Amino acid sequence: MFSVGQKVVCVDDKWSETVKQLYLALPVKDSVYVVRAVRVGVKADELIMDLRRVLEQSILLVGLYNPANNLGVEAGFAASRFRALDELKNEAVETQEAVV
């Protein structure tokens, strides 16, 4: 879905209180970030292994660093909360052209 160095935009910044307490910094909706790593998601103290989220991609963002879990893995952000910046720019151009 995403690759290291790719620019992404946060499209969902509705964080639970638990997440707000665990993370040191959280992405803000409509802000642009750069992906610094891509991997399978993690929970607070273990790798995600439940069947509902086993394929969930997690990303780490330049400038936002978070605590590591008990396995030493830094908690990332669900990729589903982001869209590629290029994709959003293309949608905006298409929308603008449709209106004209």
PDB file of N, CA and C in Angstrom:
ATOM      1  N   MET A   1       0.831  -1.190   0.000  1.00  0.00           N
ATOM      2  CA  MET A   1       0.000   0.000   0.000  1.00  0.00           C
ATOM      3  C   MET A   1       0.876   1.254   0.000  1.00  0.00           C
ATOM      4  N   PHE A   2       1.699   1.448   1.018  1.00  0.00           N
ATOM      5  CA  PHE A   2       2.596   2.597   1.078  1.00  0.00           C
ATOM      6  C   PHE A   2       4.037   2.115   1.043  1.00  0.00           C
ATOM      7  N   SER A   3       4.951   3.038   0.721  1.00  0.00           N
ATOM      8  CA  SER A   3       6.363   2.685   0.691  1.00  0.00           C
ATOM      9  C   SER A   3       7.173   3.740   1.450  1.00  0.00           C
ATOM     10  N   VAL A   4       8.357   3.358   1.871  1.00  0.00           N
ATOM     11  CA  VAL A   4       9.238   4.262   2.611  1.00  0.00           C
ATOM     12  C   VAL A   4       9.543   5.481   1.738  1.00  0.00           C
ATOM     13  N   GLY A   5       9.443   6.658   2.334  1.00  0.00           N
ATOM     14  CA  GLY A   5       9.696   7.904   1.628  1.00  0.00           C
ATOM     15  C   GLY A   5       8.472   8.518   0.973  1.00  0.00           C
ATOM     16  N   GLN A   6       7.369   7.773   0.923  1.00  0.00           N
ATOM     17  CA  GLN A   6       6.141   8.265   0.296  1.00  0.00           C
ATOM     18  C   GLN A   6       5.464   9.295   1.190  1.00  0.00           C
ATOM     19  N   LYS A   7       4.887  10.316   0.574  1.00  0.00           N
ATOM     20  CA  LYS A   7       4.132  11.332   1.316  1.00  0.00           C
ATOM     21  C   LYS A   7       2.691  10.859   1.448  1.00  0.00           C
ATOM     22  N   VAL A   8       2.161  10.959   2.674  1.00  0.00           N
ATOM     23  CA  VAL A   8       0.793  10.548   2.956  1.00  0.00           C
ATOM     24  C   VAL A   8       0.075  11.649   3.722  1.00  0.00           C
ATOM     25  N   VAL A   9      -1.259  11.604   3.660  1.00  0.00           N
ATOM     26  CA  VAL A   9      -2.098  12.575   4.362  1.00  0.00           C
ATOM     27  C   VAL A   9      -2.968  11.810   5.347  1.00  0.00           C
ATOM     28  N   CYS A  10      -3.053  12.295   6.574  1.00  0.00           N
ATOM     29  CA  CYS A  10      -3.919  11.682   7.581  1.00  0.00           C
ATOM     30  C   CYS A  10      -5.366  12.046   7.238  1.00  0.00           C
ATOM     31  N   VAL A  11      -6.220  11.024   7.130  1.00  0.00           N
ATOM     32  CA  VAL A  11      -7.634  11.263   6.822  1.00  0.00           C
ATOM     33  C   VAL A  11      -8.541  10.887   7.997  1.00  0.00           C
ATOM     34  N   ASP A  12      -7.962  10.314   9.050  1.00  0.00           N
ATOM     35  CA  ASP A  12      -8.745   9.912  10.226  1.00  0.00           C
ATOM     36  C   ASP A  12      -7.895  10.112  11.472  1.00  0.00           C
ATOM     37  N   ASP A  13      -8.220  11.135  12.239  1.00  0.00           N
ATOM     38  CA  ASP A  13      -7.468  11.386  13.479  1.00  0.00           C
ATOM     39  C   ASP A  13      -8.366  11.304  14.716  1.00  0.00           C
ATOM     40  N   LYS A  14      -9.363  10.440  14.643  1.00  0.00           N
ATOM     41  CA  LYS A  14     -10.231  10.215  15.798  1.00  0.00           C
ATOM     42  C   LYS A  14      -9.610   9.108  16.643  1.00  0.00           C
ATOM     43  N   TRP A  15      -8.855   9.491  17.661  1.00  0.00           N
ATOM     44  CA  TRP A  15      -8.100   8.554  18.485  1.00  0.00           C
ATOM     45  C   TRP A  15      -8.834   8.277  19.789  1.00  0.00           C
ATOM     46  N   SER A  16      -8.807   7.035  20.223  1.00  0.00           N
ATOM     47  CA  SER A  16      -9.413   6.686  21.510  1.00  0.00           C
ATOM     48  C   SER A  16      -8.572   7.277  22.633  1.00  0.00           C
ATOM     49  N   GLU A  17      -9.152   7.395  23.797  1.00  0.00           N
ATOM     50  CA  GLU A  17      -8.426   7.924  24.948  1.00  0.00           C
ATOM     51  C   GLU A  17      -7.219   7.042  25.287  1.00  0.00           C
ATOM     52  N   THR A  18      -7.363   5.730  25.116  1.00  0.00           N
ATOM     53  CA  THR A  18      -6.259   4.809  25.386  1.00  0.00           C
ATOM     54  C   THR A  18      -5.073   5.125  24.477  1.00  0.00           C
ATOM     55  N   VAL A  19      -5.350   5.320  23.197  1.00  0.00           N
ATOM     56  CA  VAL A  19      -4.287   5.643  22.239  1.00  0.00           C
ATOM     57  C   VAL A  19      -3.646   6.973  22.607  1.00  0.00           C
ATOM     58  N   LYS A  20      -4.434   7.959  22.953  1.00  0.00           N
ATOM     59  CA  LYS A  20      -3.901   9.274  23.330  1.00  0.00           C
ATOM     60  C   LYS A  20      -2.956   9.171  24.519  1.00  0.00           C
ATOM     61  N   GLN A  21      -3.236   8.245  25.430  1.00  0.00           N
ATOM     62  CA  GLN A  21      -2.388   8.081  26.607  1.00  0.00           C
ATOM     63  C   GLN A  21      -1.110   7.301  26.290  1.00  0.00           C
ATOM     64  N   LEU A  22      -1.179   6.373  25.329  1.00  0.00           N
ATOM     65  CA  LEU A  22      -0.029   5.524  25.001  1.00  0.00           C
ATOM     66  C   LEU A  22       0.980   6.191  24.062  1.00  0.00           C
ATOM     67  N   TYR A  23       0.488   6.939  23.095  1.00  0.00           N
ATOM     68  CA  TYR A  23       1.365   7.514  22.080  1.00  0.00           C
ATOM     69  C   TYR A  23       1.928   8.858  22.523  1.00  0.00           C
ATOM     70  N   LEU A  24       3.137   9.137  22.127  1.00  0.00           N
ATOM     71  CA  LEU A  24       3.778  10.408  22.448  1.00  0.00           C
ATOM     72  C   LEU A  24       3.319  11.516  21.502  1.00  0.00           C
ATOM     73  N   ALA A  25       3.026  11.138  20.252  1.00  0.00           N
ATOM     74  CA  ALA A  25       2.582  12.091  19.243  1.00  0.00           C
ATOM     75  C   ALA A  25       1.642  11.377  18.284  1.00  0.00           C
ATOM     76  N   LEU A  26       0.620  12.089  17.844  1.00  0.00           N
ATOM     77  CA  LEU A  26      -0.371  11.494  16.946  1.00  0.00           C
ATOM     78  C   LEU A  26      -0.537  12.344  15.685  1.00  0.00           C
ATOM     79  N   PRO A  27      -0.757  11.709  14.547  1.00  0.00           N
ATOM     80  CA  PRO A  27      -1.005  12.459  13.318  1.00  0.00           C
ATOM     81  C   PRO A  27      -2.286  13.288  13.420  1.00  0.00           C
ATOM     82  N   VAL A  28      -2.319  14.378  12.684  1.00  0.00           N
ATOM     83  CA  VAL A  28      -3.457  15.294  12.661  1.00  0.00           C
ATOM     84  C   VAL A  28      -4.090  15.251  11.271  1.00  0.00           C
ATOM     85  N   LYS A  29      -5.411  15.214  11.246  1.00  0.00           N
ATOM     86  CA  LYS A  29      -6.148  15.141   9.979  1.00  0.00           C
ATOM     87  C   LYS A  29      -5.726  16.256   9.027  1.00  0.00           C
ATOM     88  N   ASP A  30      -5.610  15.907   7.755  1.00  0.00           N
ATOM     89  CA  ASP A  30      -5.243  16.801   6.660  1.00  0.00           C
ATOM     90  C   ASP A  30      -3.780  17.235   6.673  1.00  0.00           C
ATOM     91  N   SER A  31      -2.976  16.716   7.594  1.00  0.00           N
ATOM     92  CA  SER A  31      -1.545  17.024   7.621  1.00  0.00           C
ATOM     93  C   SER A  31      -0.793  16.004   6.775  1.00  0.00           C
ATOM     94  N   VAL A  32       0.306  16.450   6.171  1.00  0.00           N
ATOM     95  CA  VAL A  32       1.132  15.603   5.308  1.00  0.00           C
ATOM     96  C   VAL A  32       2.301  15.051   6.118  1.00  0.00           C
ATOM     97  N   TYR A  33       2.585  13.755   5.922  1.00  0.00           N
ATOM     98  CA  TYR A  33       3.675  13.069   6.614  1.00  0.00           C
ATOM     99  C   TYR A  33       4.477  12.257   5.605  1.00  0.00           C
ATOM    100  N   VAL A  34       5.685  11.867   6.005  1.00  0.00           N
ATOM    101  CA  VAL A  34       6.530  11.013   5.175  1.00  0.00           C
ATOM    102  C   VAL A  34       6.673   9.672   5.876  1.00  0.00           C
ATOM    103  N   VAL A  35       6.464   8.593   5.143  1.00  0.00           N
ATOM    104  CA  VAL A  35       6.562   7.241   5.697  1.00  0.00           C
ATOM    105  C   VAL A  35       8.037   6.895   5.907  1.00  0.00           C
ATOM    106  N   ARG A  36       8.404   6.482   7.123  1.00  0.00           N
ATOM    107  CA  ARG A  36       9.779   6.065   7.393  1.00  0.00           C
ATOM    108  C   ARG A  36       9.920   4.562   7.529  1.00  0.00           C
ATOM    109  N   ALA A  37       8.815   3.837   7.686  1.00  0.00           N
ATOM    110  CA  ALA A  37       8.855   2.373   7.744  1.00  0.00           C
ATOM    111  C   ALA A  37       7.446   1.837   7.524  1.00  0.00           C
ATOM    112  N   VAL A  38       7.362   0.620   6.979  1.00  0.00           N
ATOM    113  CA  VAL A  38       6.092  -0.056   6.738  1.00  0.00           C
ATOM    114  C   VAL A  38       6.233  -1.474   7.265  1.00  0.00           C
ATOM    115  N   ARG A  39       5.211  -1.965   7.975  1.00  0.00           N
ATOM    116  CA  ARG A  39       5.266  -3.327   8.521  1.00  0.00           C
ATOM    117  C   ARG A  39       3.882  -3.766   8.961  1.00  0.00           C
ATOM    118  N   VAL A  40       3.806  -4.998   9.472  1.00  0.00           N
ATOM    119  CA  VAL A  40       2.554  -5.481  10.047  1.00  0.00           C
ATOM    120  C   VAL A  40       2.310  -4.698  11.331  1.00  0.00           C
ATOM    121  N   GLY A  41       1.050  -4.495  11.677  1.00  0.00           N
ATOM    122  CA  GLY A  41       0.696  -3.715  12.851  1.00  0.00           C
ATOM    123  C   GLY A  41       1.136  -4.355  14.158  1.00  0.00           C
ATOM    124  N   VAL A  42       1.186  -3.546  15.214  1.00  0.00           N
ATOM    125  CA  VAL A  42       1.523  -4.034  16.543  1.00  0.00           C
ATOM    126  C   VAL A  42       0.508  -3.537  17.554  1.00  0.00           C
ATOM    127  N   LYS A  43       0.350  -4.308  18.627  1.00  0.00           N
ATOM    128  CA  LYS A  43      -0.466  -3.871  19.766  1.00  0.00           C
ATOM    129  C   LYS A  43       0.495  -3.347  20.817  1.00  0.00           C
ATOM    130  N   ALA A  44      -0.030  -2.955  21.935  1.00  0.00           N
ATOM    131  CA  ALA A  44       0.806  -2.381  22.984  1.00  0.00           C
ATOM    132  C   ALA A  44       1.857  -3.362  23.501  1.00  0.00           C
ATOM    133  N   ASP A  45       1.564  -4.667  23.521  1.00  0.00           N
ATOM    134  CA  ASP A  45       2.537  -5.590  24.100  1.00  0.00           C
ATOM    135  C   ASP A  45       2.790  -6.853  23.284  1.00  0.00           C
ATOM    136  N   GLU A  46       2.294  -6.902  22.043  1.00  0.00           N
ATOM    137  CA  GLU A  46       2.528  -8.087  21.226  1.00  0.00           C
ATOM    138  C   GLU A  46       2.279  -7.768  19.762  1.00  0.00           C
ATOM    139  N   LEU A  47       2.788  -8.599  18.882  1.00  0.00           N
ATOM    140  CA  LEU A  47       2.465  -8.438  17.470  1.00  0.00           C
ATOM    141  C   LEU A  47       1.004  -8.781  17.274  1.00  0.00           C
ATOM    142  N   ILE A  48       0.337  -8.112  16.379  1.00  0.00           N
ATOM    143  CA  ILE A  48      -1.071  -8.409  16.123  1.00  0.00           C
ATOM    144  C   ILE A  48      -1.177  -9.781  15.476  1.00  0.00           C
ATOM    145  N   MET A  49      -1.908 -10.665  16.109  1.00  0.00           N
ATOM    146  CA  MET A  49      -2.080 -12.005  15.572  1.00  0.00           C
ATOM    147  C   MET A  49      -3.548 -12.391  15.447  1.00  0.00           C
ATOM    148  N   ASP A  50      -4.462 -11.532  15.900  1.00  0.00           N
ATOM    149  CA  ASP A  50      -5.865 -11.901  15.769  1.00  0.00           C
ATOM    150  C   ASP A  50      -6.261 -11.833  14.297  1.00  0.00           C
ATOM    151  N   LEU A  51      -7.184 -12.650  13.898  1.00  0.00           N
ATOM    152  CA  LEU A  51      -7.526 -12.803  12.484  1.00  0.00           C
ATOM    153  C   LEU A  51      -8.106 -11.542  11.875  1.00  0.00           C
ATOM    154  N   ARG A  52      -8.708 -10.679  12.665  1.00  0.00           N
ATOM    155  CA  ARG A  52      -9.326  -9.476  12.124  1.00  0.00           C
ATOM    156  C   ARG A  52      -8.294  -8.484  11.608  1.00  0.00           C
ATOM    157  N   ARG A  53      -7.099  -8.486  12.169  1.00  0.00           N
ATOM    158  CA  ARG A  53      -6.137  -7.444  11.810  1.00  0.00           C
ATOM    159  C   ARG A  53      -4.806  -7.986  11.303  1.00  0.00           C
ATOM    160  N   VAL A  54      -4.728  -9.270  11.033  1.00  0.00           N
ATOM    161  CA  VAL A  54      -3.442  -9.847  10.657  1.00  0.00           C
ATOM    162  C   VAL A  54      -2.872  -9.213   9.383  1.00  0.00           C
ATOM    163  N   LEU A  55      -3.710  -8.716   8.484  1.00  0.00           N
ATOM    164  CA  LEU A  55      -3.233  -8.115   7.253  1.00  0.00           C
ATOM    165  C   LEU A  55      -3.127  -6.592   7.329  1.00  0.00           C
ATOM    166  N   GLU A  56      -3.460  -6.020   8.451  1.00  0.00           N
ATOM    167  CA  GLU A  56      -3.416  -4.564   8.624  1.00  0.00           C
ATOM    168  C   GLU A  56      -1.980  -4.069   8.492  1.00  0.00           C
ATOM    169  N   GLN A  57      -1.765  -3.129   7.619  1.00  0.00           N
ATOM    170  CA  GLN A  57      -0.446  -2.543   7.452  1.00  0.00           C
ATOM    171  C   GLN A  57      -0.297  -1.399   8.434  1.00  0.00           C
ATOM    172  N   SER A  58       0.866  -1.307   9.027  1.00  0.00           N
ATOM    173  CA  SER A  58       1.172  -0.249   9.974  1.00  0.00           C
ATOM    174  C   SER A  58       2.308   0.583   9.394  1.00  0.00           C
ATOM    175  N   ILE A  59       2.248   1.887   9.599  1.00  0.00           N
ATOM    176  CA  ILE A  59       3.320   2.742   9.103  1.00  0.00           C
ATOM    177  C   ILE A  59       3.899   3.570  10.244  1.00  0.00           C
ATOM    178  N   LEU A  60       5.175   3.869  10.113  1.00  0.00           N
ATOM    179  CA  LEU A  60       5.856   4.789  11.016  1.00  0.00           C
ATOM    180  C   LEU A  60       6.130   6.043  10.215  1.00  0.00           C
ATOM    181  N   LEU A  61       6.027   7.199  10.850  1.00  0.00           N
ATOM    182  CA  LEU A  61       6.118   8.474  10.147  1.00  0.00           C
ATOM    183  C   LEU A  61       7.327   9.275  10.607  1.00  0.00           C
ATOM    184  N   VAL A  62       7.972   9.949   9.657  1.00  0.00           N
ATOM    185  CA  VAL A  62       9.099  10.819   9.976  1.00  0.00           C
ATOM    186  C   VAL A  62       8.620  11.892  10.954  1.00  0.00           C
ATOM    187  N   GLY A  63       9.361  12.098  12.019  1.00  0.00           N
ATOM    188  CA  GLY A  63       9.042  13.143  12.989  1.00  0.00           C
ATOM    189  C   GLY A  63       8.101  12.723  14.101  1.00  0.00           C
ATOM    190  N   LEU A  64       7.439  11.571  13.962  1.00  0.00           N
ATOM    191  CA  LEU A  64       6.565  11.073  15.026  1.00  0.00           C
ATOM    192  C   LEU A  64       7.139   9.758  15.540  1.00  0.00           C
ATOM    193  N   TYR A  65       7.603   9.787  16.764  1.00  0.00           N
ATOM    194  CA  TYR A  65       8.214   8.600  17.373  1.00  0.00           C
ATOM    195  C   TYR A  65       7.390   8.201  18.585  1.00  0.00           C
ATOM    196  N   ASN A  66       7.213   6.913  18.786  1.00  0.00           N
ATOM    197  CA  ASN A  66       6.353   6.408  19.848  1.00  0.00           C
ATOM    198  C   ASN A  66       7.056   5.325  20.637  1.00  0.00           C
ATOM    199  N   PRO A  67       6.548   5.041  21.834  1.00  0.00           N
ATOM    200  CA  PRO A  67       7.197   4.033  22.667  1.00  0.00           C
ATOM    201  C   PRO A  67       7.130   2.650  22.024  1.00  0.00           C
ATOM    202  N   ALA A  68       8.081   1.808  22.385  1.00  0.00           N
ATOM    203  CA  ALA A  68       8.114   0.428  21.894  1.00  0.00           C
ATOM    204  C   ALA A  68       7.304  -0.463  22.826  1.00  0.00           C
ATOM    205  N   ASN A  69       6.784  -1.567  22.264  1.00  0.00           N
ATOM    206  CA  ASN A  69       6.061  -2.529  23.092  1.00  0.00           C
ATOM    207  C   ASN A  69       7.047  -3.436  23.821  1.00  0.00           C
ATOM    208  N   ASN A  70       6.548  -4.465  24.504  1.00  0.00           N
ATOM    209  CA  ASN A  70       7.401  -5.368  25.272  1.00  0.00           C
ATOM    210  C   ASN A  70       8.389  -6.139  24.407  1.00  0.00           C
ATOM    211  N   LEU A  71       8.131  -6.211  23.109  1.00  0.00           N
ATOM    212  CA  LEU A  71       9.031  -6.902  22.187  1.00  0.00           C
ATOM    213  C   LEU A  71      10.058  -5.946  21.581  1.00  0.00           C
ATOM    214  N   GLY A  72       9.994  -4.674  21.966  1.00  0.00           N
ATOM    215  CA  GLY A  72      10.921  -3.688  21.437  1.00  0.00           C
ATOM    216  C   GLY A  72      10.513  -3.112  20.091  1.00  0.00           C
ATOM    217  N   VAL A  73       9.248  -3.318  19.707  1.00  0.00           N
ATOM    218  CA  VAL A  73       8.754  -2.835  18.425  1.00  0.00           C
ATOM    219  C   VAL A  73       7.976  -1.537  18.645  1.00  0.00           C
ATOM    220  N   GLU A  74       8.382  -0.487  17.946  1.00  0.00           N
ATOM    221  CA  GLU A  74       7.690   0.799  18.071  1.00  0.00           C
ATOM    222  C   GLU A  74       6.273   0.700  17.520  1.00  0.00           C
ATOM    223  N   ALA A  75       5.333   1.271  18.233  1.00  0.00           N
ATOM    224  CA  ALA A  75       3.937   1.279  17.790  1.00  0.00           C
ATOM    225  C   ALA A  75       3.790   2.217  16.605  1.00  0.00           C
ATOM    226  N   GLY A  76       3.175   1.717  15.533  1.00  0.00           N
ATOM    227  CA  GLY A  76       2.948   2.530  14.340  1.00  0.00           C
ATOM    228  C   GLY A  76       1.496   2.971  14.270  1.00  0.00           C
ATOM    229  N   PHE A  77       1.106   3.408  13.101  1.00  0.00           N
ATOM    230  CA  PHE A  77      -0.254   3.871  12.870  1.00  0.00           C
ATOM    231  C   PHE A  77      -0.884   3.024  11.774  1.00  0.00           C
ATOM    232  N   ALA A  78      -2.155   2.700  11.914  1.00  0.00           N
ATOM    233  CA  ALA A  78      -2.859   1.910  10.905  1.00  0.00           C
ATOM    234  C   ALA A  78      -2.831   2.645   9.575  1.00  0.00           C
ATOM    235  N   ALA A  79      -2.393   1.954   8.550  1.00  0.00           N
ATOM    236  CA  ALA A  79      -2.291   2.556   7.218  1.00  0.00           C
ATOM    237  C   ALA A  79      -3.655   3.029   6.712  1.00  0.00           C
ATOM    238  N   SER A  80      -4.712   2.408   7.196  1.00  0.00           N
ATOM    239  CA  SER A  80      -6.058   2.789   6.747  1.00  0.00           C
ATOM    240  C   SER A  80      -6.432   4.215   7.162  1.00  0.00           C
ATOM    241  N   ARG A  81      -5.675   4.816   8.065  1.00  0.00           N
ATOM    242  CA  ARG A  81      -5.926   6.191   8.491  1.00  0.00           C
ATOM    243  C   ARG A  81      -5.297   7.223   7.549  1.00  0.00           C
ATOM    244  N   PHE A  82      -4.632   6.755   6.485  1.00  0.00           N
ATOM    245  CA  PHE A  82      -3.890   7.638   5.596  1.00  0.00           C
ATOM    246  C   PHE A  82      -4.238   7.387   4.143  1.00  0.00           C
ATOM    247  N   ARG A  83      -4.000   8.395   3.314  1.00  0.00           N
ATOM    248  CA  ARG A  83      -4.115   8.275   1.860  1.00  0.00           C
ATOM    249  C   ARG A  83      -2.841   8.858   1.264  1.00  0.00           C
ATOM    250  N   ALA A  84      -2.457   8.347   0.126  1.00  0.00           N
ATOM    251  CA  ALA A  84      -1.282   8.867  -0.568  1.00  0.00           C
ATOM    252  C   ALA A  84      -1.545  10.305  -1.006  1.00  0.00           C
ATOM    253  N   LEU A  85      -0.573  11.185  -0.808  1.00  0.00           N
ATOM    254  CA  LEU A  85      -0.723  12.588  -1.190  1.00  0.00           C
ATOM    255  C   LEU A  85      -1.002  12.719  -2.687  1.00  0.00           C
ATOM    256  N   ASP A  86      -0.289  11.962  -3.518  1.00  0.00           N
ATOM    257  CA  ASP A  86      -0.504  12.011  -4.970  1.00  0.00           C
ATOM    258  C   ASP A  86      -1.935  11.636  -5.330  1.00  0.00           C
ATOM    259  N   GLU A  87      -2.467  10.631  -4.655  1.00  0.00           N
ATOM    260  CA  GLU A  87      -3.833  10.182  -4.911  1.00  0.00           C
ATOM    261  C   GLU A  87      -4.838  11.291  -4.602  1.00  0.00           C
ATOM    262  N   LEU A  88      -4.644  11.969  -3.487  1.00  0.00           N
ATOM    263  CA  LEU A  88      -5.553  13.057  -3.113  1.00  0.00           C
ATOM    264  C   LEU A  88      -5.438  14.227  -4.081  1.00  0.00           C
ATOM    265  N   LYS A  89      -4.218  14.527  -4.547  1.00  0.00           N
ATOM    266  CA  LYS A  89      -4.038  15.613  -5.516  1.00  0.00           C
ATOM    267  C   LYS A  89      -4.761  15.290  -6.811  1.00  0.00           C
ATOM    268  N   ASN A  90      -4.645  14.040  -7.274  1.00  0.00           N
ATOM    269  CA  ASN A  90      -5.315  13.624  -8.509  1.00  0.00           C
ATOM    270  C   ASN A  90      -6.828  13.719  -8.377  1.00  0.00           C
ATOM    271  N   GLU A  91      -7.364  13.325  -7.220  1.00  0.00           N
ATOM    272  CA  GLU A  91      -8.801  13.423  -6.987  1.00  0.00           C
ATOM    273  C   GLU A  91      -9.263  14.870  -7.019  1.00  0.00           C
ATOM    274  N   ALA A  92      -8.469  15.755  -6.443  1.00  0.00           N
ATOM    275  CA  ALA A  92      -8.827  17.173  -6.417  1.00  0.00           C
ATOM    276  C   ALA A  92      -8.862  17.752  -7.832  1.00  0.00           C
ATOM    277  N   VAL A  93      -7.895  17.365  -8.662  1.00  0.00           N
ATOM    278  CA  VAL A  93      -7.869  17.840 -10.057  1.00  0.00           C
ATOM    279  C   VAL A  93      -9.069  17.309 -10.816  1.00  0.00           C
ATOM    280  N   GLU A  94      -9.383  16.029 -10.641  1.00  0.00           N
ATOM    281  CA  GLU A  94     -10.535  15.432 -11.329  1.00  0.00           C
ATOM    282  C   GLU A  94     -11.837  16.104 -10.906  1.00  0.00           C
ATOM    283  N   THR A  95     -11.965  16.391  -9.631  1.00  0.00           N
ATOM    284  CA  THR A  95     -13.166  17.054  -9.118  1.00  0.00           C
ATOM    285  C   THR A  95     -13.283  18.451  -9.699  1.00  0.00           C
ATOM    286  N   GLN A  96     -12.162  19.150  -9.757  1.00  0.00           N
ATOM    287  CA  GLN A  96     -12.142  20.512 -10.285  1.00  0.00           C
ATOM    288  C   GLN A  96     -12.518  20.506 -11.770  1.00  0.00           C
ATOM    289  N   GLU A  97     -11.987  19.542 -12.515  1.00  0.00           N
ATOM    290  CA  GLU A  97     -12.291  19.454 -13.947  1.00  0.00           C
ATOM    291  C   GLU A  97     -13.768  19.126 -14.170  1.00  0.00           C
ATOM    292  N   ALA A  98     -14.348  18.306 -13.308  1.00  0.00           N
ATOM    293  CA  ALA A  98     -15.767  17.931 -13.437  1.00  0.00           C
ATOM    294  C   ALA A  98     -16.675  19.122 -13.181  1.00  0.00           C
ATOM    295  N   VAL A  99     -16.245  20.040 -12.341  1.00  0.00           N
ATOM    296  CA  VAL A  99     -17.051  21.212 -11.995  1.00  0.00           C
ATOM    297  C   VAL A  99     -17.000  22.238 -13.113  1.00  0.00           C
ATOM    298  N   VAL A 100     -15.887  22.323 -13.814  1.00  0.00           N
ATOM    299  CA  VAL A 100     -15.703  23.345 -14.859  1.00  0.00           C
ATOM    300  C   VAL A 100     -16.506  23.069 -16.075  1.00  0.00           C
TER     301      VAL A 100
END
